[in-house]
Amino acid sequence: GQDIYISFREDLTDDFGWGPPVKLGPEVNTPGNDHSPAFLQAGGGELYFNRGPTPLTQIWVVPMSRDGLILGEARPVSEVNSPTANNGAVTVRRDGRELILWSGGAAGERPGTIGLADLFVSTRQSVNHPWSEPVGMGRPVNSEAGDLEATLSADGRSVVISSLRPGRSGRQDLWMSVRSPDGSARVELDAEGCPAP
């Protein structure tokens, strides 16, 4: 199946200085499909990834250092996984207190889903607390189409997603949404993708 690899570079500013990828060990990789890694440095380091389908894709986490050393056993993130729908590709805010995942597969497979797959958000008080029950991000981030694979900006204000929504120019295009600094309101973007006045 699919496996997860890690690569290192000496100079953080050298975009072409990556060394050869090294396969992570059996704590992460299994004979099945292990994919979509997301590393969180806060709290000592955690690697989030997907495992499955067995029968559904689930989100797992394992403690991992910055140098790729696995520090414990991988476990499913049961508080965010739905037992009735696929759960995929997480992005975690830099402080480790907000997680966005996609879930679904068909409308209604997960409560709160409005499309084929929707983005859900989960929060926690600190990296030592469990994640909250995921809540659908609602419109305009989610649509009736498949909305997948979010990536948060470093400041946590912008999210880039891939979506099959109407208006796309290819099969699955990238879309961006921006929220206010306190996270309370969405910022409208103009035609060039800049915050509108």
Protein backbone atom coordinates (compact mmCIF):
# COMPACT_ATOMS: atom_id res chain seq x y z
CA GLY A 1 0.00 0.00 0.00
CA GLN A 2 0.93 3.66 0.23
CA ASP A 3 3.67 4.56 2.73
CA ILE A 4 4.96 7.73 4.39
CA TYR A 5 8.55 8.93 3.94
CA ILE A 6 10.56 11.75 5.51
CA SER A 7 13.29 13.92 4.02
CA PHE A 8 15.67 16.42 5.65
CA ARG A 9 17.70 19.45 4.61
CA GLU A 10 20.59 21.25 6.30
CA ASP A 11 19.66 24.75 5.16
CA LEU A 12 16.05 25.77 5.80
CA THR A 13 16.28 28.39 3.05
CA ASP A 14 17.49 25.93 0.38
CA ASP A 15 14.37 24.72 -1.42
CA PHE A 16 16.47 22.28 -3.47
CA GLY A 17 18.63 20.96 -0.62
CA TRP A 18 16.43 18.03 0.41
CA GLY A 19 18.10 14.69 1.04
CA PRO A 20 16.77 11.34 -0.16
CA PRO A 21 13.42 10.29 1.37
CA VAL A 22 13.58 7.68 4.13
CA LYS A 23 10.63 5.41 4.85
CA LEU A 24 9.17 5.80 8.35
CA GLY A 25 9.02 2.62 10.42
CA PRO A 26 6.28 0.09 11.24
CA GLU A 27 4.73 2.38 13.87
CA VAL A 28 3.49 4.49 10.93
CA ASN A 29 3.62 2.31 7.81
CA THR A 30 1.58 -0.89 7.56
CA PRO A 31 0.84 -3.29 4.69
CA GLY A 32 -2.26 -1.14 4.01
CA ASN A 33 -2.44 2.48 2.86
CA ASP A 34 -0.76 5.08 5.11
CA HIS A 35 -0.74 8.58 3.63
CA SER A 36 -1.48 12.33 3.96
CA PRO A 37 1.00 13.22 6.73
CA ALA A 38 0.83 16.49 8.68
CA PHE A 39 3.53 17.27 11.26
CA LEU A 40 2.76 19.43 14.29
CA GLN A 41 5.83 20.72 16.14
CA ALA A 42 3.94 22.16 19.16
CA GLY A 43 3.87 20.09 22.34
CA GLY A 44 6.92 18.00 21.53
CA GLY A 45 5.81 16.92 18.05
CA GLU A 46 3.02 14.82 16.56
CA LEU A 47 2.58 13.29 13.13
CA TYR A 48 -1.02 13.06 11.94
CA PHE A 49 -1.76 10.77 9.00
CA ASN A 50 -4.43 8.68 7.30
CA ARG A 51 -4.70 4.92 7.47
CA GLY A 52 -7.18 2.91 5.46
CA PRO A 53 -9.55 2.05 4.02
CA THR A 54 -10.16 -0.67 6.64
CA PRO A 55 -13.14 -0.37 5.84
CA LEU A 56 -13.05 3.45 6.17
CA THR A 57 -10.09 5.82 6.09
CA GLN A 58 -9.30 7.06 9.60
CA ILE A 59 -7.00 9.71 11.08
CA TRP A 60 -4.12 8.47 13.24
CA VAL A 61 -1.48 10.29 15.30
CA VAL A 62 1.94 9.27 16.61
CA PRO A 63 4.38 11.27 18.77
CA MET A 64 7.39 12.21 16.63
CA SER A 65 10.42 14.46 17.10
CA ARG A 66 11.55 17.05 14.53
CA ASP A 67 14.31 14.70 13.43
CA GLY A 68 11.82 11.95 12.54
CA LEU A 69 12.24 9.79 15.64
CA ILE A 70 8.98 8.01 16.49
CA LEU A 71 8.42 8.41 20.25
CA GLY A 72 5.50 6.05 20.89
CA GLU A 73 2.70 4.03 19.39
CA ALA A 74 0.34 5.33 16.72
CA ARG A 75 -3.31 5.56 17.73
CA PRO A 76 -6.50 6.53 15.95
CA VAL A 77 -7.76 10.02 16.79
CA SER A 78 -11.12 8.61 17.89
CA GLU A 79 -12.59 11.96 18.95
CA VAL A 80 -12.49 13.28 15.33
CA ASN A 81 -13.02 10.06 13.35
CA SER A 82 -16.54 9.23 12.21
CA PRO A 83 -17.42 5.51 12.28
CA THR A 84 -19.79 5.97 9.31
CA ALA A 85 -17.72 8.05 6.88
CA ASN A 86 -14.21 8.44 5.50
CA ASN A 87 -12.03 10.89 7.44
CA GLY A 88 -9.11 12.45 5.64
CA ALA A 89 -6.13 14.71 5.30
CA VAL A 90 -5.83 16.95 8.36
CA THR A 91 -4.21 20.32 8.73
CA VAL A 92 -3.35 21.49 12.25
CA ARG A 93 -2.87 25.11 13.29
CA ARG A 94 0.68 25.92 14.37
CA ASP A 95 -0.27 26.14 18.09
CA GLY A 96 -1.90 22.68 17.96
CA ARG A 97 -5.32 23.94 19.08
CA GLU A 98 -7.30 23.73 15.83
CA LEU A 99 -7.58 20.86 13.36
CA ILE A 100 -9.38 20.79 10.02
CA LEU A 101 -10.25 17.52 8.27
CA TRP A 102 -12.47 16.43 5.42
CA SER A 103 -15.08 13.79 5.98
CA GLY A 104 -17.89 12.18 4.08
CA GLY A 105 -18.06 10.31 0.84
CA ALA A 106 -21.74 10.79 0.11
CA ALA A 107 -24.13 13.45 1.37
CA GLY A 108 -25.32 12.68 4.87
CA GLU A 109 -22.81 9.96 5.72
CA ARG A 110 -21.54 12.15 8.55
CA PRO A 111 -23.95 14.36 10.49
CA GLY A 112 -23.52 17.97 9.36
CA THR A 113 -22.34 17.06 5.85
CA ILE A 114 -23.95 19.13 3.09
CA GLY A 115 -21.99 17.78 0.12
CA LEU A 116 -20.13 14.72 -1.13
CA ALA A 117 -17.36 15.52 1.35
CA ASP A 118 -17.10 18.52 3.65
CA LEU A 119 -14.52 20.21 5.81
CA PHE A 120 -14.92 19.95 9.57
CA VAL A 121 -13.10 21.79 12.35
CA SER A 122 -12.16 20.54 15.80
CA THR A 123 -10.50 22.49 18.62
CA ARG A 124 -8.88 21.80 21.98
CA GLN A 125 -7.77 23.89 24.96
CA SER A 126 -4.12 22.84 24.65
CA VAL A 127 -1.99 20.14 23.05
CA ASN A 128 -2.57 18.07 26.21
CA HIS A 129 -6.38 18.06 25.85
CA PRO A 130 -8.55 15.87 23.61
CA TRP A 131 -10.07 17.27 20.41
CA SER A 132 -13.67 18.50 20.42
CA GLU A 133 -16.40 16.87 18.32
CA PRO A 134 -15.78 18.12 14.75
CA VAL A 135 -18.27 20.68 13.42
CA GLY A 136 -18.93 21.30 9.72
CA MET A 137 -17.39 24.55 8.52
CA GLY A 138 -20.62 25.43 6.69
CA ARG A 139 -21.01 27.67 3.69
CA PRO A 140 -19.22 29.23 1.88
CA VAL A 141 -16.29 26.90 2.68
CA ASN A 142 -18.40 23.77 2.12
CA SER A 143 -20.60 23.19 -0.89
CA GLU A 144 -22.70 20.40 -2.41
CA ALA A 145 -19.57 19.20 -4.23
CA GLY A 146 -16.56 17.44 -2.72
CA ASP A 147 -14.56 19.87 -0.55
CA LEU A 148 -11.28 18.30 0.49
CA GLU A 149 -7.76 18.71 1.85
CA ALA A 150 -7.45 22.02 3.65
CA THR A 151 -4.19 23.81 4.39
CA LEU A 152 -4.01 26.55 7.03
CA SER A 153 -1.71 29.55 6.73
CA ALA A 154 0.92 30.09 9.43
CA ASP A 155 -1.26 32.71 11.17
CA GLY A 156 -4.37 30.48 10.98
CA ARG A 157 -6.43 33.12 9.13
CA SER A 158 -6.42 31.71 5.62
CA VAL A 159 -7.45 28.25 4.51
CA VAL A 160 -6.79 26.85 1.05
CA ILE A 161 -8.95 23.89 0.00
CA SER A 162 -9.34 21.69 -3.04
CA SER A 163 -12.90 21.49 -4.31
CA LEU A 164 -15.04 20.12 -7.11
CA ARG A 165 -17.53 23.03 -6.76
CA PRO A 166 -19.07 24.82 -9.75
CA GLY A 167 -16.88 27.54 -11.23
CA ARG A 168 -13.73 25.45 -11.26
CA SER A 169 -11.51 25.50 -14.31
CA GLY A 170 -10.13 21.99 -13.89
CA ARG A 171 -11.18 18.74 -12.27
CA GLN A 172 -10.38 19.83 -8.73
CA ASP A 173 -9.28 23.43 -8.16
CA LEU A 174 -7.81 25.33 -5.22
CA TRP A 175 -10.02 27.83 -3.39
CA MET A 176 -9.19 30.16 -0.49
CA SER A 177 -11.19 31.60 2.39
CA VAL A 178 -9.98 34.19 4.92
CA ARG A 179 -11.29 34.93 8.41
CA SER A 180 -10.86 37.99 10.63
CA PRO A 181 -7.99 38.07 13.15
CA ASP A 182 -10.25 36.98 16.02
CA GLY A 183 -11.77 34.20 13.88
CA SER A 184 -15.29 35.52 14.31
CA ALA A 185 -16.10 36.57 10.76
CA ARG A 186 -15.26 35.62 7.23
CA VAL A 187 -13.40 38.17 5.12
CA GLU A 188 -14.79 38.56 1.59
CA LEU A 189 -12.23 38.27 -1.21
CA ASP A 190 -12.31 40.28 -4.41
CA ALA A 191 -11.85 38.83 -7.91
CA GLU A 192 -8.04 38.80 -7.50
CA GLY A 193 -8.25 36.87 -4.22
CA CYS A 194 -7.38 39.87 -2.02
CA PRO A 195 -9.40 40.91 1.05
CA ALA A 196 -12.14 43.25 -0.15
CA PRO A 197 -12.32 46.73 1.45
